[in-house]
Amino acid sequence: MYVIRLADGTLRVPHSLTSEDGRLIGNGYVELEPGDPDYERWLPESLTEEELAGRRERWLADNDELEREFLAFKAQQEDA
């Protein structure tokens, strides 16, 4: 999950909710606006929605070779 910087400057920061015994209840985002105490801490890591979309596109385009290698490995494991 990434820190997403919206056009108005709001940051969407990944946040997990866990039970008292440490079990994961859910993952989501919290929104931080400029002036929030944690805003400056997360700002350097943030990506715009356009930057995030570009990363996804590059990953999908560049993933073909990795996927072929994985499928070959998986087939080899199933044959063994």
PDB file of N, CA and C in Angstrom:
ATOM      1  N   MET A   1       0.848  -1.168   0.000  1.00  0.00           N
ATOM      2  CA  MET A   1       0.000   0.000   0.000  1.00  0.00           C
ATOM      3  C   MET A   1       0.895   1.234   0.000  1.00  0.00           C
ATOM      4  N   TYR A   2       0.449   2.244  -0.651  1.00  0.00           N
ATOM      5  CA  TYR A   2       1.217   3.466  -0.813  1.00  0.00           C
ATOM      6  C   TYR A   2       0.537   4.637  -0.115  1.00  0.00           C
ATOM      7  N   VAL A   3       1.331   5.658   0.206  1.00  0.00           N
ATOM      8  CA  VAL A   3       0.788   6.922   0.678  1.00  0.00           C
ATOM      9  C   VAL A   3       0.408   7.715  -0.573  1.00  0.00           C
ATOM     10  N   ILE A   4      -0.850   8.077  -0.685  1.00  0.00           N
ATOM     11  CA  ILE A   4      -1.364   8.753  -1.868  1.00  0.00           C
ATOM     12  C   ILE A   4      -1.618  10.218  -1.541  1.00  0.00           C
ATOM     13  N   ARG A   5      -1.084  11.104  -2.401  1.00  0.00           N
ATOM     14  CA  ARG A   5      -1.278  12.548  -2.236  1.00  0.00           C
ATOM     15  C   ARG A   5      -2.342  13.010  -3.218  1.00  0.00           C
ATOM     16  N   LEU A   6      -3.465  13.452  -2.700  1.00  0.00           N
ATOM     17  CA  LEU A   6      -4.571  13.910  -3.531  1.00  0.00           C
ATOM     18  C   LEU A   6      -4.300  15.328  -4.033  1.00  0.00           C
ATOM     19  N   ALA A   7      -5.059  15.750  -5.031  1.00  0.00           N
ATOM     20  CA  ALA A   7      -4.864  17.058  -5.657  1.00  0.00           C
ATOM     21  C   ALA A   7      -4.987  18.209  -4.660  1.00  0.00           C
ATOM     22  N   ASP A   8      -5.810  18.052  -3.638  1.00  0.00           N
ATOM     23  CA  ASP A   8      -5.993  19.124  -2.656  1.00  0.00           C
ATOM     24  C   ASP A   8      -4.936  19.095  -1.547  1.00  0.00           C
ATOM     25  N   GLY A   9      -3.947  18.182  -1.646  1.00  0.00           N
ATOM     26  CA  GLY A   9      -2.884  18.083  -0.652  1.00  0.00           C
ATOM     27  C   GLY A   9      -3.136  17.064   0.437  1.00  0.00           C
ATOM     28  N   THR A  10      -4.347  16.538   0.513  1.00  0.00           N
ATOM     29  CA  THR A  10      -4.664  15.509   1.504  1.00  0.00           C
ATOM     30  C   THR A  10      -3.854  14.250   1.220  1.00  0.00           C
ATOM     31  N   LEU A  11      -3.350  13.620   2.271  1.00  0.00           N
ATOM     32  CA  LEU A  11      -2.634  12.353   2.137  1.00  0.00           C
ATOM     33  C   LEU A  11      -3.534  11.219   2.603  1.00  0.00           C
ATOM     34  N   ARG A  12      -3.544  10.148   1.837  1.00  0.00           N
ATOM     35  CA  ARG A  12      -4.203   8.911   2.265  1.00  0.00           C
ATOM     36  C   ARG A  12      -3.096   7.957   2.685  1.00  0.00           C
ATOM     37  N   VAL A  13      -3.069   7.665   3.980  1.00  0.00           N
ATOM     38  CA  VAL A  13      -1.991   6.873   4.571  1.00  0.00           C
ATOM     39  C   VAL A  13      -2.538   5.498   4.945  1.00  0.00           C
ATOM     40  N   PRO A  14      -1.836   4.414   4.538  1.00  0.00           N
ATOM     41  CA  PRO A  14      -2.293   3.074   4.906  1.00  0.00           C
ATOM     42  C   PRO A  14      -2.390   2.925   6.421  1.00  0.00           C
ATOM     43  N   HIS A  15      -3.416   2.204   6.847  1.00  0.00           N
ATOM     44  CA  HIS A  15      -3.636   2.001   8.275  1.00  0.00           C
ATOM     45  C   HIS A  15      -4.257   0.619   8.478  1.00  0.00           C
ATOM     46  N   SER A  16      -3.709  -0.136   9.407  1.00  0.00           N
ATOM     47  CA  SER A  16      -4.249  -1.455   9.739  1.00  0.00           C
ATOM     48  C   SER A  16      -4.902  -1.401  11.105  1.00  0.00           C
ATOM     49  N   LEU A  17      -5.972  -2.147  11.240  1.00  0.00           N
ATOM     50  CA  LEU A  17      -6.667  -2.256  12.515  1.00  0.00           C
ATOM     51  C   LEU A  17      -6.491  -3.688  12.997  1.00  0.00           C
ATOM     52  N   THR A  18      -6.016  -3.833  14.242  1.00  0.00           N
ATOM     53  CA  THR A  18      -5.804  -5.160  14.809  1.00  0.00           C
ATOM     54  C   THR A  18      -6.591  -5.307  16.102  1.00  0.00           C
ATOM     55  N   SER A  19      -6.867  -6.560  16.438  1.00  0.00           N
ATOM     56  CA  SER A  19      -7.553  -6.847  17.705  1.00  0.00           C
ATOM     57  C   SER A  19      -6.532  -6.776  18.834  1.00  0.00           C
ATOM     58  N   GLU A  20      -7.002  -6.881  20.061  1.00  0.00           N
ATOM     59  CA  GLU A  20      -6.114  -6.818  21.222  1.00  0.00           C
ATOM     60  C   GLU A  20      -5.081  -7.942  21.225  1.00  0.00           C
ATOM     61  N   ASP A  21      -5.433  -9.080  20.635  1.00  0.00           N
ATOM     62  CA  ASP A  21      -4.477 -10.192  20.598  1.00  0.00           C
ATOM     63  C   ASP A  21      -3.600 -10.173  19.349  1.00  0.00           C
ATOM     64  N   GLY A  22      -3.673  -9.086  18.565  1.00  0.00           N
ATOM     65  CA  GLY A  22      -2.782  -8.913  17.430  1.00  0.00           C
ATOM     66  C   GLY A  22      -3.306  -9.408  16.101  1.00  0.00           C
ATOM     67  N   ARG A  23      -4.505  -9.967  16.061  1.00  0.00           N
ATOM     68  CA  ARG A  23      -5.052 -10.434  14.789  1.00  0.00           C
ATOM     69  C   ARG A  23      -5.480  -9.254  13.924  1.00  0.00           C
ATOM     70  N   LEU A  24      -5.222  -9.365  12.644  1.00  0.00           N
ATOM     71  CA  LEU A  24      -5.586  -8.324  11.694  1.00  0.00           C
ATOM     72  C   LEU A  24      -7.094  -8.301  11.505  1.00  0.00           C
ATOM     73  N   ILE A  25      -7.680  -7.132  11.682  1.00  0.00           N
ATOM     74  CA  ILE A  25      -9.111  -6.962  11.455  1.00  0.00           C
ATOM     75  C   ILE A  25      -9.344  -6.409  10.057  1.00  0.00           C
ATOM     76  N   GLY A  26      -8.521  -5.456   9.647  1.00  0.00           N
ATOM     77  CA  GLY A  26      -8.688  -4.897   8.311  1.00  0.00           C
ATOM     78  C   GLY A  26      -7.617  -3.888   7.973  1.00  0.00           C
ATOM     79  N   ASN A  27      -7.464  -3.644   6.677  1.00  0.00           N
ATOM     80  CA  ASN A  27      -6.546  -2.639   6.159  1.00  0.00           C
ATOM     81  C   ASN A  27      -7.366  -1.554   5.488  1.00  0.00           C
ATOM     82  N   GLY A  28      -6.900  -0.348   5.584  1.00  0.00           N
ATOM     83  CA  GLY A  28      -7.585   0.765   4.942  1.00  0.00           C
ATOM     84  C   GLY A  28      -6.671   1.973   4.914  1.00  0.00           C
ATOM     85  N   TYR A  29      -7.253   3.138   4.783  1.00  0.00           N
ATOM     86  CA  TYR A  29      -6.494   4.380   4.754  1.00  0.00           C
ATOM     87  C   TYR A  29      -7.077   5.365   5.748  1.00  0.00           C
ATOM     88  N   VAL A  30      -6.223   6.230   6.271  1.00  0.00           N
ATOM     89  CA  VAL A  30      -6.670   7.391   7.023  1.00  0.00           C
ATOM     90  C   VAL A  30      -6.233   8.610   6.219  1.00  0.00           C
ATOM     91  N   GLU A  31      -7.006   9.674   6.295  1.00  0.00           N
ATOM     92  CA  GLU A  31      -6.675  10.881   5.560  1.00  0.00           C
ATOM     93  C   GLU A  31      -6.059  11.901   6.498  1.00  0.00           C
ATOM     94  N   LEU A  32      -4.919  12.457   6.056  1.00  0.00           N
ATOM     95  CA  LEU A  32      -4.222  13.498   6.805  1.00  0.00           C
ATOM     96  C   LEU A  32      -4.213  14.763   5.954  1.00  0.00           C
ATOM     97  N   GLU A  33      -4.570  15.861   6.550  1.00  0.00           N
ATOM     98  CA  GLU A  33      -4.576  17.139   5.841  1.00  0.00           C
ATOM     99  C   GLU A  33      -3.363  17.950   6.265  1.00  0.00           C
ATOM    100  N   PRO A  34      -2.924  18.898   5.406  1.00  0.00           N
ATOM    101  CA  PRO A  34      -1.821  19.771   5.823  1.00  0.00           C
ATOM    102  C   PRO A  34      -2.124  20.380   7.187  1.00  0.00           C
ATOM    103  N   GLY A  35      -1.130  20.386   8.040  1.00  0.00           N
ATOM    104  CA  GLY A  35      -1.314  20.886   9.396  1.00  0.00           C
ATOM    105  C   GLY A  35      -1.486  19.774  10.414  1.00  0.00           C
ATOM    106  N   ASP A  36      -1.844  18.566   9.954  1.00  0.00           N
ATOM    107  CA  ASP A  36      -1.944  17.423  10.858  1.00  0.00           C
ATOM    108  C   ASP A  36      -0.550  17.122  11.399  1.00  0.00           C
ATOM    109  N   PRO A  37      -0.427  16.733  12.675  1.00  0.00           N
ATOM    110  CA  PRO A  37       0.899  16.475  13.259  1.00  0.00           C
ATOM    111  C   PRO A  37       1.751  15.462  12.491  1.00  0.00           C
ATOM    112  N   ASP A  38       1.157  14.457  11.868  1.00  0.00           N
ATOM    113  CA  ASP A  38       1.921  13.435  11.139  1.00  0.00           C
ATOM    114  C   ASP A  38       2.082  13.743   9.653  1.00  0.00           C
ATOM    115  N   TYR A  39       1.515  14.826   9.166  1.00  0.00           N
ATOM    116  CA  TYR A  39       1.507  15.131   7.736  1.00  0.00           C
ATOM    117  C   TYR A  39       2.929  15.212   7.157  1.00  0.00           C
ATOM    118  N   GLU A  40       3.789  15.981   7.782  1.00  0.00           N
ATOM    119  CA  GLU A  40       5.152  16.177   7.261  1.00  0.00           C
ATOM    120  C   GLU A  40       5.956  14.882   7.255  1.00  0.00           C
ATOM    121  N   ARG A  41       5.651  13.990   8.169  1.00  0.00           N
ATOM    122  CA  ARG A  41       6.369  12.703   8.227  1.00  0.00           C
ATOM    123  C   ARG A  41       6.057  11.846   7.006  1.00  0.00           C
ATOM    124  N   TRP A  42       4.804  11.880   6.533  1.00  0.00           N
ATOM    125  CA  TRP A  42       4.379  11.030   5.424  1.00  0.00           C
ATOM    126  C   TRP A  42       4.536  11.682   4.049  1.00  0.00           C
ATOM    127  N   LEU A  43       4.622  13.005   4.000  1.00  0.00           N
ATOM    128  CA  LEU A  43       4.668  13.715   2.722  1.00  0.00           C
ATOM    129  C   LEU A  43       5.792  13.252   1.793  1.00  0.00           C
ATOM    130  N   PRO A  44       7.040  13.063   2.263  1.00  0.00           N
ATOM    131  CA  PRO A  44       8.109  12.634   1.343  1.00  0.00           C
ATOM    132  C   PRO A  44       7.850  11.285   0.672  1.00  0.00           C
ATOM    133  N   GLU A  45       7.075  10.408   1.302  1.00  0.00           N
ATOM    134  CA  GLU A  45       6.787   9.082   0.747  1.00  0.00           C
ATOM    135  C   GLU A  45       5.595   9.078  -0.209  1.00  0.00           C
ATOM    136  N   SER A  46       4.871  10.177  -0.264  1.00  0.00           N
ATOM    137  CA  SER A  46       3.602  10.179  -0.985  1.00  0.00           C
ATOM    138  C   SER A  46       3.792  10.209  -2.498  1.00  0.00           C
ATOM    139  N   LEU A  47       2.814   9.627  -3.181  1.00  0.00           N
ATOM    140  CA  LEU A  47       2.747   9.623  -4.643  1.00  0.00           C
ATOM    141  C   LEU A  47       1.409  10.215  -5.054  1.00  0.00           C
ATOM    142  N   THR A  48       1.417  10.952  -6.160  1.00  0.00           N
ATOM    143  CA  THR A  48       0.136  11.423  -6.676  1.00  0.00           C
ATOM    144  C   THR A  48      -0.605  10.234  -7.274  1.00  0.00           C
ATOM    145  N   GLU A  49      -1.884  10.401  -7.508  1.00  0.00           N
ATOM    146  CA  GLU A  49      -2.661   9.321  -8.129  1.00  0.00           C
ATOM    147  C   GLU A  49      -2.114   8.999  -9.512  1.00  0.00           C
ATOM    148  N   GLU A  50      -1.616  10.020 -10.233  1.00  0.00           N
ATOM    149  CA  GLU A  50      -1.037   9.804 -11.560  1.00  0.00           C
ATOM    150  C   GLU A  50       0.259   9.007 -11.474  1.00  0.00           C
ATOM    151  N   GLU A  51       1.099   9.334 -10.481  1.00  0.00           N
ATOM    152  CA  GLU A  51       2.347   8.590 -10.301  1.00  0.00           C
ATOM    153  C   GLU A  51       2.060   7.132  -9.954  1.00  0.00           C
ATOM    154  N   LEU A  52       1.078   6.907  -9.119  1.00  0.00           N
ATOM    155  CA  LEU A  52       0.704   5.546  -8.738  1.00  0.00           C
ATOM    156  C   LEU A  52       0.194   4.770  -9.951  1.00  0.00           C
ATOM    157  N   ALA A  53      -0.631   5.404 -10.770  1.00  0.00           N
ATOM    158  CA  ALA A  53      -1.135   4.752 -11.990  1.00  0.00           C
ATOM    159  C   ALA A  53       0.024   4.418 -12.928  1.00  0.00           C
ATOM    160  N   GLY A  54       0.989   5.312 -13.039  1.00  0.00           N
ATOM    161  CA  GLY A  54       2.161   5.048 -13.872  1.00  0.00           C
ATOM    162  C   GLY A  54       2.968   3.866 -13.382  1.00  0.00           C
ATOM    163  N   ARG A  55       3.127   3.753 -12.074  1.00  0.00           N
ATOM    164  CA  ARG A  55       3.836   2.593 -11.511  1.00  0.00           C
ATOM    165  C   ARG A  55       3.104   1.298 -11.823  1.00  0.00           C
ATOM    166  N   ARG A  56       1.785   1.323 -11.683  1.00  0.00           N
ATOM    167  CA  ARG A  56       1.002   0.119 -11.986  1.00  0.00           C
ATOM    168  C   ARG A  56       1.164  -0.276 -13.457  1.00  0.00           C
ATOM    169  N   GLU A  57       1.098   0.701 -14.348  1.00  0.00           N
ATOM    170  CA  GLU A  57       1.243   0.417 -15.776  1.00  0.00           C
ATOM    171  C   GLU A  57       2.612  -0.166 -16.083  1.00  0.00           C
ATOM    172  N   ARG A  58       3.672   0.439 -15.514  1.00  0.00           N
ATOM    173  CA  ARG A  58       5.027  -0.082 -15.741  1.00  0.00           C
ATOM    174  C   ARG A  58       5.168  -1.486 -15.176  1.00  0.00           C
ATOM    175  N   TRP A  59       4.605  -1.735 -13.986  1.00  0.00           N
ATOM    176  CA  TRP A  59       4.708  -3.051 -13.386  1.00  0.00           C
ATOM    177  C   TRP A  59       4.016  -4.090 -14.271  1.00  0.00           C
ATOM    178  N   LEU A  60       2.821  -3.774 -14.758  1.00  0.00           N
ATOM    179  CA  LEU A  60       2.111  -4.710 -15.628  1.00  0.00           C
ATOM    180  C   LEU A  60       2.875  -4.958 -16.915  1.00  0.00           C
ATOM    181  N   ALA A  61       3.454  -3.911 -17.480  1.00  0.00           N
ATOM    182  CA  ALA A  61       4.200  -4.053 -18.732  1.00  0.00           C
ATOM    183  C   ALA A  61       5.483  -4.843 -18.529  1.00  0.00           C
ATOM    184  N   ASP A  62       6.154  -4.630 -17.415  1.00  0.00           N
ATOM    185  CA  ASP A  62       7.452  -5.273 -17.165  1.00  0.00           C
ATOM    186  C   ASP A  62       7.331  -6.604 -16.455  1.00  0.00           C
ATOM    187  N   ASN A  63       6.140  -7.027 -16.132  1.00  0.00           N
ATOM    188  CA  ASN A  63       5.921  -8.218 -15.332  1.00  0.00           C
ATOM    189  C   ASN A  63       5.946  -9.516 -16.151  1.00  0.00           C
ATOM    190  N   ASP A  64       5.853  -9.435 -17.461  1.00  0.00           N
ATOM    191  CA  ASP A  64       5.719 -10.637 -18.275  1.00  0.00           C
ATOM    192  C   ASP A  64       6.849 -11.647 -18.058  1.00  0.00           C
ATOM    193  N   GLU A  65       8.097 -11.191 -18.050  1.00  0.00           N
ATOM    194  CA  GLU A  65       9.226 -12.104 -17.880  1.00  0.00           C
ATOM    195  C   GLU A  65       9.203 -12.746 -16.496  1.00  0.00           C
ATOM    196  N   LEU A  66       8.936 -11.964 -15.485  1.00  0.00           N
ATOM    197  CA  LEU A  66       8.854 -12.504 -14.124  1.00  0.00           C
ATOM    198  C   LEU A  66       7.738 -13.534 -14.016  1.00  0.00           C
ATOM    199  N   GLU A  67       6.611 -13.259 -14.638  1.00  0.00           N
ATOM    200  CA  GLU A  67       5.498 -14.209 -14.599  1.00  0.00           C
ATOM    201  C   GLU A  67       5.867 -15.513 -15.299  1.00  0.00           C
ATOM    202  N   ARG A  68       6.547 -15.438 -16.433  1.00  0.00           N
ATOM    203  CA  ARG A  68       6.980 -16.658 -17.133  1.00  0.00           C
ATOM    204  C   ARG A  68       7.912 -17.485 -16.259  1.00  0.00           C
ATOM    205  N   GLU A  69       8.855 -16.804 -15.597  1.00  0.00           N
ATOM    206  CA  GLU A  69       9.790 -17.510 -14.717  1.00  0.00           C
ATOM    207  C   GLU A  69       9.048 -18.190 -13.571  1.00  0.00           C
ATOM    208  N   PHE A  70       8.086 -17.491 -12.989  1.00  0.00           N
ATOM    209  CA  PHE A  70       7.319 -18.068 -11.889  1.00  0.00           C
ATOM    210  C   PHE A  70       6.520 -19.279 -12.346  1.00  0.00           C
ATOM    211  N   LEU A  71       5.844 -19.170 -13.486  1.00  0.00           N
ATOM    212  CA  LEU A  71       5.043 -20.291 -13.979  1.00  0.00           C
ATOM    213  C   LEU A  71       5.919 -21.494 -14.310  1.00  0.00           C
ATOM    214  N   ALA A  72       7.118 -21.264 -14.840  1.00  0.00           N
ATOM    215  CA  ALA A  72       8.045 -22.361 -15.114  1.00  0.00           C
ATOM    216  C   ALA A  72       8.485 -23.026 -13.806  1.00  0.00           C
ATOM    217  N   PHE A  73       8.784 -22.207 -12.794  1.00  0.00           N
ATOM    218  CA  PHE A  73       9.169 -22.729 -11.482  1.00  0.00           C
ATOM    219  C   PHE A  73       8.023 -23.533 -10.875  1.00  0.00           C
ATOM    220  N   LYS A  74       6.820 -22.996 -10.959  1.00  0.00           N
ATOM    221  CA  LYS A  74       5.646 -23.672 -10.394  1.00  0.00           C
ATOM    222  C   LYS A  74       5.425 -25.017 -11.085  1.00  0.00           C
ATOM    223  N   ALA A  75       5.528 -25.047 -12.400  1.00  0.00           N
ATOM    224  CA  ALA A  75       5.363 -26.311 -13.148  1.00  0.00           C
ATOM    225  C   ALA A  75       6.422 -27.319 -12.747  1.00  0.00           C
ATOM    226  N   GLN A  76       7.641 -26.835 -12.550  1.00  0.00           N
ATOM    227  CA  GLN A  76       8.740 -27.724 -12.133  1.00  0.00           C
ATOM    228  C   GLN A  76       8.440 -28.316 -10.761  1.00  0.00           C
ATOM    229  N   GLN A  77       7.927 -27.530  -9.847  1.00  0.00           N
ATOM    230  CA  GLN A  77       7.605 -28.003  -8.500  1.00  0.00           C
ATOM    231  C   GLN A  77       6.477 -29.029  -8.532  1.00  0.00           C
ATOM    232  N   GLU A  78       5.507 -28.809  -9.394  1.00  0.00           N
ATOM    233  CA  GLU A  78       4.375 -29.735  -9.495  1.00  0.00           C
ATOM    234  C   GLU A  78       4.798 -31.069 -10.098  1.00  0.00           C
ATOM    235  N   ASP A  79       5.816 -31.032 -10.985  1.00  0.00           N
ATOM    236  CA  ASP A  79       6.307 -32.263 -11.620  1.00  0.00           C
ATOM    237  C   ASP A  79       7.152 -33.091 -10.664  1.00  0.00           C
ATOM    238  N   ALA A  80       7.739 -32.433  -9.675  1.00  0.00           N
ATOM    239  CA  ALA A  80       8.661 -33.135  -8.777  1.00  0.00           C
ATOM    240  C   ALA A  80       7.947 -33.982  -7.750  1.00  0.00           C
TER     241      ALA A  80
END
